Amino acid sequence: MAVGPATLPERFFPVAGVRLGIASAGIKKPGRKDVVVIELSKGSRVAGIFTTNQFCAAPVHVARRHLGEGDPRYLLINTGNANAGTGERGMRDANACCEALAREADTRAHSVLPFSTGVIGEPLPVEKIVNALPAALADLSEGHWAEAAAGIMTTDTRPKGATRQIEIDGKHINISGISKGAGMIRPNMATMLGFIATDASVAPGVLQKLASELGEESFNRITIDGDTSTNDACMLIATGEAGAGVATVESEHYPLLRQALREVYMELAHAIVKDGEGATKFVTIEVAGAAGQKEALDVAYTVAHSPLVKTALFASDPNWGRILAAVGRAGVEGLDLEAIEIFLGDVCLVRNGGRADDYTEERGQAVMDQQEITIHIDLKRGRIKERVWTCDFSHDYVTINAEYRT
């Protein structure tokens, strides 16, 4: 179950200097394509952001360390096993996979960045992954973005991707990206896994700035269930193969490149929410008139995480009292309750401290019956505005997570 049409482009723009290969290791299900290798041309630059969960997975530790050592040439992704909560063995296993790929590809182990997603607390089946590496390398192609998007899925019901093309100094600049995630989503950095690449040349400091800012604006504003994964990671890659790009944020073409990247980040982040486990609604929560960013996000996330709000959304029930109650318990001191306005779509629910005089259940129901809904909350305290994207809670969410390991 997912909201709206499929989220995979009919055609990805190939990113010069990036090849992707997919293979089956049978980690969780025999025959499933569950290992993805992404090869980067020599001289490519990679910036990343990772989960803030203190129980972060072994591959997060290793990828962060290898990224700091420079010279990234390969990304190695497996699904079906998170290699999290696995202690020292997990570190050895993550390193062993990097070393195995380095041998196969004739590079150094620190040039491999590992990523894992799946069940927490189970030992990584290193032998299965290592045995699948030759097939993944033999499958490398710049046209395998769609296959890689499918290869990194876990409980996702559909692959997720986005692509753009712009022009800088007469050269075509291609941007393509894939992401995965459907549950255990409140990233606090990025998404569960996201990989975005461009063949533009981007200076290292600029690349990290883009990775951090765009991750904050997109993936850091989505939530399915309020749970931050142990394995979240999002990588931004610039190969420089197109022969044009940006050297500083003051560069003439920086705004153009940033906007194109932002569109890809947003599309990938929204695709995760639309494919949230059991989701039937895609919900935008806007908080305006806040005195500061923190209080805007506190209100937005309190509404987004409320089980009562989320179940009302699933039932298409315009039970506006649940939204009002969530705003009131968000922890913002000194709210002027008479000033606050709450809207469901274009229908005002709350004004002057209670139900709006012109509100009718029929108008509220008409909005709730839609698949894509906006909840707008105006605190009337300042000029700060923030958006968060979420989904509803359905019977299927409980079923999927109750049966996750069976």
Protein backbone atom coordinates (compact mmCIF):
# COMPACT_ATOMS: atom_id res chain seq x y z
CA MET A 1 0.00 0.00 0.00
CA ALA A 2 1.36 3.43 -0.91
CA VAL A 3 0.02 6.90 -1.61
CA GLY A 4 -0.14 8.18 -5.17
CA PRO A 5 1.54 6.93 -8.34
CA ALA A 6 4.89 5.13 -8.54
CA THR A 7 7.90 7.26 -7.69
CA LEU A 8 10.53 5.90 -10.08
CA PRO A 9 11.42 7.95 -13.18
CA GLU A 10 10.79 6.30 -16.52
CA ARG A 11 14.41 7.10 -17.35
CA PHE A 12 17.32 8.15 -15.16
CA PHE A 13 19.89 10.55 -16.53
CA PRO A 14 23.18 8.61 -16.38
CA VAL A 15 25.79 10.21 -14.15
CA ALA A 16 29.21 10.06 -15.80
CA GLY A 17 31.65 8.32 -13.48
CA VAL A 18 29.02 6.27 -11.64
CA ARG A 19 28.23 2.61 -12.34
CA LEU A 20 25.88 0.41 -10.35
CA GLY A 21 25.77 -3.38 -10.03
CA ILE A 22 23.22 -5.60 -8.30
CA ALA A 23 23.43 -9.22 -7.13
CA SER A 24 21.64 -11.76 -4.97
CA ALA A 25 23.28 -12.95 -1.75
CA GLY A 26 20.12 -14.51 -0.32
CA ILE A 27 20.60 -12.70 2.99
CA LYS A 28 16.96 -12.88 4.05
CA LYS A 29 15.16 -14.42 1.07
CA PRO A 30 16.69 -16.78 -1.50
CA GLY A 31 17.01 -15.23 -4.94
CA ARG A 32 16.30 -11.67 -3.83
CA LYS A 33 18.61 -8.98 -5.21
CA ASP A 34 20.00 -7.68 -1.93
CA VAL A 35 23.57 -6.50 -2.63
CA VAL A 36 24.32 -3.30 -4.53
CA VAL A 37 27.77 -2.01 -5.49
CA ILE A 38 28.21 1.57 -6.68
CA GLU A 39 31.49 2.29 -8.43
CA LEU A 40 32.84 5.86 -8.57
CA SER A 41 35.43 7.19 -11.00
CA LYS A 42 38.83 8.14 -9.64
CA GLY A 43 38.83 11.61 -8.11
CA SER A 44 35.14 11.55 -7.19
CA ARG A 45 34.18 13.46 -4.05
CA VAL A 46 31.70 12.18 -1.48
CA ALA A 47 30.01 14.03 1.38
CA GLY A 48 27.80 12.30 3.89
CA ILE A 49 25.50 12.63 6.84
CA PHE A 50 24.74 9.81 9.25
CA THR A 51 22.32 8.80 11.98
CA THR A 52 22.54 10.46 15.38
CA ASN A 53 21.37 7.25 17.08
CA GLN A 54 24.06 6.42 19.66
CA PHE A 55 23.60 2.70 18.93
CA CYS A 56 24.61 3.40 15.34
CA ALA A 57 25.47 0.35 13.27
CA ALA A 58 28.95 -0.96 12.55
CA PRO A 59 28.81 0.09 8.86
CA VAL A 60 28.05 3.65 9.95
CA HIS A 61 31.23 3.71 12.04
CA VAL A 62 33.27 2.21 9.21
CA ALA A 63 31.78 4.39 6.46
CA ARG A 64 32.36 7.53 8.50
CA ARG A 65 35.98 6.55 9.16
CA HIS A 66 36.68 5.61 5.54
CA LEU A 67 35.04 8.80 4.30
CA GLY A 68 37.43 10.78 6.50
CA GLU A 69 40.41 8.99 4.94
CA GLY A 70 39.42 10.16 1.46
CA ASP A 71 39.65 8.47 -1.96
CA PRO A 72 36.17 6.84 -2.04
CA ARG A 73 35.81 4.46 -5.00
CA TYR A 74 33.04 2.02 -4.05
CA LEU A 75 29.83 2.00 -2.02
CA LEU A 76 28.72 -1.44 -0.82
CA ILE A 77 25.09 -1.80 0.28
CA ASN A 78 23.32 -4.85 1.64
CA THR A 79 19.70 -5.29 2.73
CA GLY A 80 18.15 -7.90 5.00
CA ASN A 81 20.63 -7.36 7.84
CA ALA A 82 21.47 -4.07 9.56
CA ASN A 83 24.70 -5.22 11.25
CA ALA A 84 23.59 -3.11 14.21
CA GLY A 85 23.71 -4.09 17.85
CA THR A 86 26.41 -6.61 16.91
CA GLY A 87 29.33 -5.27 18.97
CA GLU A 88 32.92 -5.87 18.00
CA ARG A 89 31.96 -8.71 15.69
CA GLY A 90 29.89 -6.28 13.66
CA MET A 91 32.92 -4.03 13.16
CA ARG A 92 35.03 -6.99 12.03
CA ASP A 93 32.29 -8.11 9.65
CA ALA A 94 31.85 -4.64 8.10
CA ASN A 95 35.61 -4.35 7.61
CA ALA A 96 35.77 -7.87 6.16
CA CYS A 97 33.20 -6.95 3.50
CA CYS A 98 35.15 -3.82 2.59
CA GLU A 99 38.36 -5.82 2.34
CA ALA A 100 36.71 -8.44 0.14
CA LEU A 101 35.35 -5.86 -2.28
CA ALA A 102 38.73 -4.10 -2.32
CA ARG A 103 40.42 -7.35 -3.35
CA GLU A 104 37.88 -8.01 -6.10
CA ALA A 105 38.10 -4.44 -7.42
CA ASP A 106 41.86 -3.99 -6.95
CA THR A 107 41.57 -1.02 -4.62
CA ARG A 108 42.16 -0.31 -0.94
CA ALA A 109 39.73 -1.22 1.83
CA HIS A 110 39.39 2.37 3.01
CA SER A 111 38.13 3.29 -0.48
CA VAL A 112 34.99 1.21 0.20
CA LEU A 113 32.08 2.73 2.14
CA PRO A 114 29.73 0.07 3.60
CA PHE A 115 25.98 0.48 4.25
CA SER A 116 23.54 -2.03 5.70
CA THR A 117 19.81 -2.10 6.38
CA GLY A 118 17.47 -4.73 7.76
CA VAL A 119 17.08 -6.67 11.00
CA ILE A 120 18.96 -5.34 14.04
CA GLY A 121 20.93 -7.63 16.34
CA GLU A 122 21.74 -10.45 13.93
CA PRO A 123 25.31 -11.24 12.78
CA LEU A 124 26.07 -10.13 9.24
CA PRO A 125 26.27 -13.10 6.85
CA VAL A 126 29.67 -12.08 5.53
CA GLU A 127 30.24 -15.19 3.43
CA LYS A 128 26.99 -14.71 1.51
CA ILE A 129 27.82 -11.06 0.76
CA VAL A 130 31.40 -11.84 -0.26
CA ASN A 131 30.22 -14.60 -2.58
CA ALA A 132 27.84 -12.16 -4.31
CA LEU A 133 30.49 -9.51 -5.00
CA PRO A 134 31.83 -10.91 -8.30
CA ALA A 135 28.30 -10.96 -9.74
CA ALA A 136 27.64 -7.40 -8.56
CA LEU A 137 30.89 -6.15 -10.13
CA ALA A 138 30.14 -7.98 -13.39
CA ASP A 139 26.75 -6.25 -13.46
CA LEU A 140 28.17 -2.70 -13.21
CA SER A 141 26.47 -0.26 -15.57
CA GLU A 142 25.76 3.47 -15.59
CA GLY A 143 22.15 2.60 -16.52
CA HIS A 144 21.31 0.48 -13.48
CA TRP A 145 19.80 3.16 -11.25
CA ALA A 146 16.34 1.61 -11.28
CA GLU A 147 17.71 -1.84 -10.52
CA ALA A 148 19.76 -0.44 -7.64
CA ALA A 149 16.70 1.36 -6.28
CA ALA A 150 14.94 -2.00 -6.07
CA GLY A 151 18.04 -3.68 -4.66
CA ILE A 152 18.18 -1.49 -1.53
CA MET A 153 14.52 -2.01 -0.52
CA THR A 154 13.43 -3.71 2.72
CA THR A 155 9.78 -3.21 3.72
CA ASP A 156 9.37 -0.67 0.91
CA THR A 157 6.56 -1.56 -1.46
CA ARG A 158 8.17 0.20 -4.41
CA PRO A 159 11.58 1.57 -5.43
CA LYS A 160 12.29 5.28 -5.08
CA GLY A 161 14.31 7.48 -7.40
CA ALA A 162 14.62 10.95 -8.87
CA THR A 163 16.64 12.52 -11.66
CA ARG A 164 17.33 15.97 -13.14
CA GLN A 165 19.43 17.54 -15.88
CA ILE A 166 20.69 21.13 -15.98
CA GLU A 167 23.22 23.04 -18.05
CA ILE A 168 26.33 24.80 -16.77
CA ASP A 169 28.74 26.55 -19.12
CA GLY A 170 27.23 24.73 -22.08
CA LYS A 171 27.70 21.30 -20.48
CA HIS A 172 24.89 18.94 -19.48
CA ILE A 173 24.98 18.22 -15.75
CA ASN A 174 23.13 15.08 -14.69
CA ILE A 175 21.81 14.33 -11.20
CA SER A 176 20.31 11.00 -10.16
CA GLY A 177 19.44 9.55 -6.79
CA ILE A 178 17.77 6.65 -5.03
CA SER A 179 16.50 6.16 -1.49
CA LYS A 180 14.90 3.49 0.66
CA GLY A 181 12.82 3.58 3.79
CA ALA A 182 9.28 2.88 4.90
CA GLY A 183 9.44 2.39 8.66
CA MET A 184 11.67 3.33 11.62
CA ILE A 185 11.78 6.78 10.06
CA ARG A 186 12.56 9.97 11.88
CA PRO A 187 16.04 10.36 10.56
CA ASN A 188 17.60 13.24 12.51
CA MET A 189 20.12 13.48 9.69
CA ALA A 190 18.84 12.04 6.45
CA THR A 191 16.87 9.00 5.37
CA MET A 192 17.40 5.36 6.17
CA LEU A 193 19.55 5.14 3.06
CA GLY A 194 19.97 7.70 0.30
CA PHE A 195 22.47 8.02 -2.53
CA ILE A 196 22.52 11.08 -4.79
CA ALA A 197 25.15 11.64 -7.48
CA THR A 198 26.03 14.35 -9.98
CA ASP A 199 28.72 14.54 -12.62
CA ALA A 200 29.27 18.21 -11.83
CA SER A 201 32.57 19.27 -10.32
CA VAL A 202 31.93 20.48 -6.77
CA ALA A 203 34.55 21.68 -4.30
CA PRO A 204 34.75 19.50 -1.15
CA GLY A 205 33.58 22.20 1.28
CA VAL A 206 30.69 23.13 -0.99
CA LEU A 207 29.70 19.48 -1.37
CA GLN A 208 29.53 18.95 2.39
CA LYS A 209 27.56 22.17 2.80
CA LEU A 210 25.05 20.97 0.21
CA ALA A 211 24.81 17.50 1.78
CA SER A 212 24.16 18.93 5.24
CA GLU A 213 21.76 21.69 4.26
CA LEU A 214 19.72 19.70 1.76
CA GLY A 215 19.49 16.75 4.13
CA GLU A 216 18.19 19.10 6.81
CA GLU A 217 15.58 20.62 4.50
CA SER A 218 14.27 17.33 3.16
CA PHE A 219 15.03 14.03 4.90
CA ASN A 220 15.29 15.73 8.29
CA ARG A 221 11.70 16.91 7.92
CA ILE A 222 10.04 13.55 7.37
CA THR A 223 8.70 11.09 9.92
CA ILE A 224 6.76 7.86 9.68
CA ASP A 225 6.72 6.74 13.29
CA GLY A 226 9.19 8.91 15.23
CA ASP A 227 11.84 6.16 15.42
CA THR A 228 15.40 7.07 14.42
CA SER A 229 17.17 4.11 12.81
CA THR A 230 20.60 2.84 13.79
CA ASN A 231 21.68 2.80 10.13
CA ASP A 232 20.60 6.10 8.56
CA ALA A 233 23.01 7.44 5.97
CA CYS A 234 22.77 9.76 2.98
CA MET A 235 25.63 10.28 0.54
CA LEU A 236 26.11 13.08 -1.99
CA ILE A 237 28.59 12.24 -4.75
CA ALA A 238 30.22 14.56 -7.29
CA THR A 239 32.36 12.87 -9.95
CA GLY A 240 33.40 16.00 -11.88
CA GLU A 241 33.18 14.05 -15.14
CA ALA A 242 30.90 16.58 -16.85
CA GLY A 243 33.67 19.16 -17.05
CA ALA A 244 31.74 21.95 -15.34
CA GLY A 245 30.49 22.77 -11.89
CA VAL A 246 30.89 25.11 -8.93
CA ALA A 247 33.95 25.96 -6.85
CA THR A 248 32.35 28.22 -4.25
CA VAL A 249 28.90 29.17 -3.00
CA GLU A 250 29.46 32.51 -4.70
CA SER A 251 29.81 30.80 -8.10
CA GLU A 252 27.37 32.01 -10.73
CA HIS A 253 25.83 28.56 -11.17
CA TYR A 254 25.67 27.55 -7.51
CA PRO A 255 21.95 28.48 -7.09
CA LEU A 256 21.03 26.47 -10.19
CA LEU A 257 22.88 23.37 -9.02
CA ARG A 258 21.57 23.69 -5.48
CA GLN A 259 17.98 23.99 -6.66
CA ALA A 260 18.25 20.92 -8.91
CA LEU A 261 19.79 18.91 -6.09
CA ARG A 262 17.13 20.15 -3.68
CA GLU A 263 14.39 18.93 -6.00
CA VAL A 264 15.96 15.46 -6.07
CA TYR A 265 16.37 15.40 -2.27
CA MET A 266 12.76 16.50 -1.74
CA GLU A 267 11.37 14.00 -4.22
CA LEU A 268 13.26 11.15 -2.58
CA ALA A 269 12.24 12.21 0.94
CA HIS A 270 8.57 12.59 0.03
CA ALA A 271 8.65 9.20 -1.69
CA ILE A 272 9.59 7.60 1.62
CA VAL A 273 6.59 9.13 3.37
CA LYS A 274 4.23 8.14 0.57
CA ASP A 275 5.49 4.58 0.91
CA GLY A 276 5.38 4.58 4.72
CA GLU A 277 4.50 1.19 6.13
CA GLY A 278 0.75 0.84 5.64
CA ALA A 279 0.37 4.49 4.60
CA THR A 280 -2.84 5.67 2.95
CA LYS A 281 -2.33 9.45 3.43
CA PHE A 282 0.52 11.85 2.64
CA VAL A 283 0.32 14.69 5.15
CA THR A 284 2.06 18.06 5.14
CA ILE A 285 2.12 19.80 8.52
CA GLU A 286 2.86 23.51 8.29
CA VAL A 287 3.53 25.60 11.36
CA ALA A 288 3.64 29.34 10.72
CA GLY A 289 3.85 32.37 12.97
CA ALA A 290 6.38 30.79 15.31
CA ALA A 291 8.83 32.81 17.37
CA GLY A 292 11.66 30.38 16.58
CA GLN A 293 12.52 27.27 14.61
CA LYS A 294 12.52 24.97 17.63
CA GLU A 295 8.98 25.78 18.69
CA ALA A 296 7.75 25.47 15.11
CA LEU A 297 9.27 22.01 14.81
CA ASP A 298 8.13 21.01 18.31
CA VAL A 299 4.53 21.73 17.33
CA ALA A 300 4.84 20.11 13.91
CA TYR A 301 6.39 16.91 15.22
CA THR A 302 3.99 16.65 18.16
CA VAL A 303 1.10 16.62 15.70
CA ALA A 304 2.94 14.33 13.28
CA HIS A 305 3.75 11.78 15.98
CA SER A 306 0.39 11.75 17.73
CA PRO A 307 -1.08 8.23 17.41
CA LEU A 308 -4.55 9.76 17.84
CA VAL A 309 -4.03 12.21 14.99
CA LYS A 310 -2.48 9.53 12.78
CA THR A 311 -5.27 7.02 13.36
CA ALA A 312 -7.90 9.71 12.72
CA LEU A 313 -6.15 10.40 9.42
CA PHE A 314 -6.35 6.70 8.53
CA ALA A 315 -10.06 6.68 9.33
CA SER A 316 -10.58 9.91 7.32
CA ASP A 317 -12.17 11.26 10.49
CA PRO A 318 -12.02 15.09 10.84
CA ASN A 319 -11.60 14.77 14.61
CA TRP A 320 -10.00 18.20 14.92
CA GLY A 321 -9.87 18.04 18.72
CA ARG A 322 -6.94 15.63 18.42
CA ILE A 323 -4.93 18.21 16.46
CA LEU A 324 -5.81 20.96 18.94
CA ALA A 325 -4.75 18.75 21.86
CA ALA A 326 -1.41 17.94 20.20
CA VAL A 327 -0.64 21.62 19.64
CA GLY A 328 -1.45 22.32 23.27
CA ARG A 329 0.94 19.67 24.60
CA ALA A 330 3.87 20.54 22.34
CA GLY A 331 5.64 22.33 25.20
CA VAL A 332 5.55 25.87 23.81
CA GLU A 333 5.29 28.30 26.70
CA GLY A 334 2.93 31.25 26.66
CA LEU A 335 0.74 30.35 23.71
CA ASP A 336 -2.06 32.82 23.02
CA LEU A 337 -4.88 30.34 22.52
CA GLU A 338 -7.27 32.99 21.26
CA ALA A 339 -4.85 33.91 18.46
CA ILE A 340 -4.02 30.43 17.14
CA GLU A 341 -5.67 29.26 13.93
CA ILE A 342 -5.68 25.65 12.71
CA PHE A 343 -6.66 24.66 9.18
CA LEU A 344 -7.36 21.34 7.51
CA GLY A 345 -6.64 22.10 3.89
CA ASP A 346 -8.47 25.39 3.27
CA VAL A 347 -11.00 24.70 6.03
CA CYS A 348 -10.51 26.59 9.30
CA LEU A 349 -10.97 24.22 12.25
CA VAL A 350 -9.96 26.41 15.20
CA ARG A 351 -10.23 30.16 15.75
CA ASN A 352 -10.63 32.30 18.90
CA GLY A 353 -9.78 29.39 21.16
CA GLY A 354 -12.38 26.94 19.86
CA ARG A 355 -14.11 25.54 16.82
CA ALA A 356 -14.30 28.10 14.00
CA ASP A 357 -17.78 29.56 13.58
CA ASP A 358 -17.93 28.67 9.89
CA TYR A 359 -16.63 25.10 10.30
CA THR A 360 -18.90 22.25 9.29
CA GLU A 361 -18.28 18.52 9.54
CA GLU A 362 -19.09 18.17 5.85
CA ARG A 363 -16.30 20.58 4.85
CA GLY A 364 -13.83 18.85 7.15
CA GLN A 365 -14.82 15.46 5.81
CA ALA A 366 -14.27 16.58 2.21
CA VAL A 367 -10.63 17.35 3.02
CA MET A 368 -10.09 14.19 5.09
CA ASP A 369 -11.30 12.04 2.21
CA GLN A 370 -8.30 13.17 0.10
CA GLN A 371 -5.08 11.16 -0.14
CA GLU A 372 -2.86 14.23 0.24
CA ILE A 373 -3.71 16.58 3.11
CA THR A 374 -2.22 19.74 4.60
CA ILE A 375 -2.62 20.67 8.27
CA HIS A 376 -1.75 24.33 8.74
CA ILE A 377 -1.17 25.80 12.22
CA ASP A 378 -0.60 29.53 12.69
CA LEU A 379 0.74 30.34 16.16
CA LYS A 380 0.64 34.14 15.56
CA ARG A 381 3.84 34.64 17.58
CA GLY A 382 6.46 35.51 14.98
CA ARG A 383 7.63 35.00 11.41
CA ILE A 384 9.21 31.54 11.45
CA LYS A 385 7.65 28.81 9.33
CA GLU A 386 8.52 25.10 9.15
CA ARG A 387 7.12 22.08 7.31
CA VAL A 388 7.14 18.42 8.26
CA TRP A 389 5.85 15.53 6.17
CA THR A 390 4.26 12.41 7.61
CA CYS A 391 1.60 9.76 7.00
CA ASP A 392 -1.21 8.01 8.83
CA PHE A 393 -1.15 4.86 10.97
CA SER A 394 -3.11 1.95 9.53
CA HIS A 395 -3.78 -1.65 10.52
CA ASP A 396 -1.05 -2.63 8.07
CA TYR A 397 1.62 -0.66 9.97
CA VAL A 398 1.01 -2.82 13.04
CA THR A 399 0.95 -6.02 10.99
CA ILE A 400 4.15 -5.23 9.08
CA ASN A 401 6.11 -4.47 12.24
CA ALA A 402 4.60 -7.29 14.28
CA GLU A 403 5.63 -9.77 11.59
CA TYR A 404 8.91 -8.11 10.57
CA ARG A 405 11.15 -11.02 11.62
CA THR A 406 8.85 -13.87 10.60
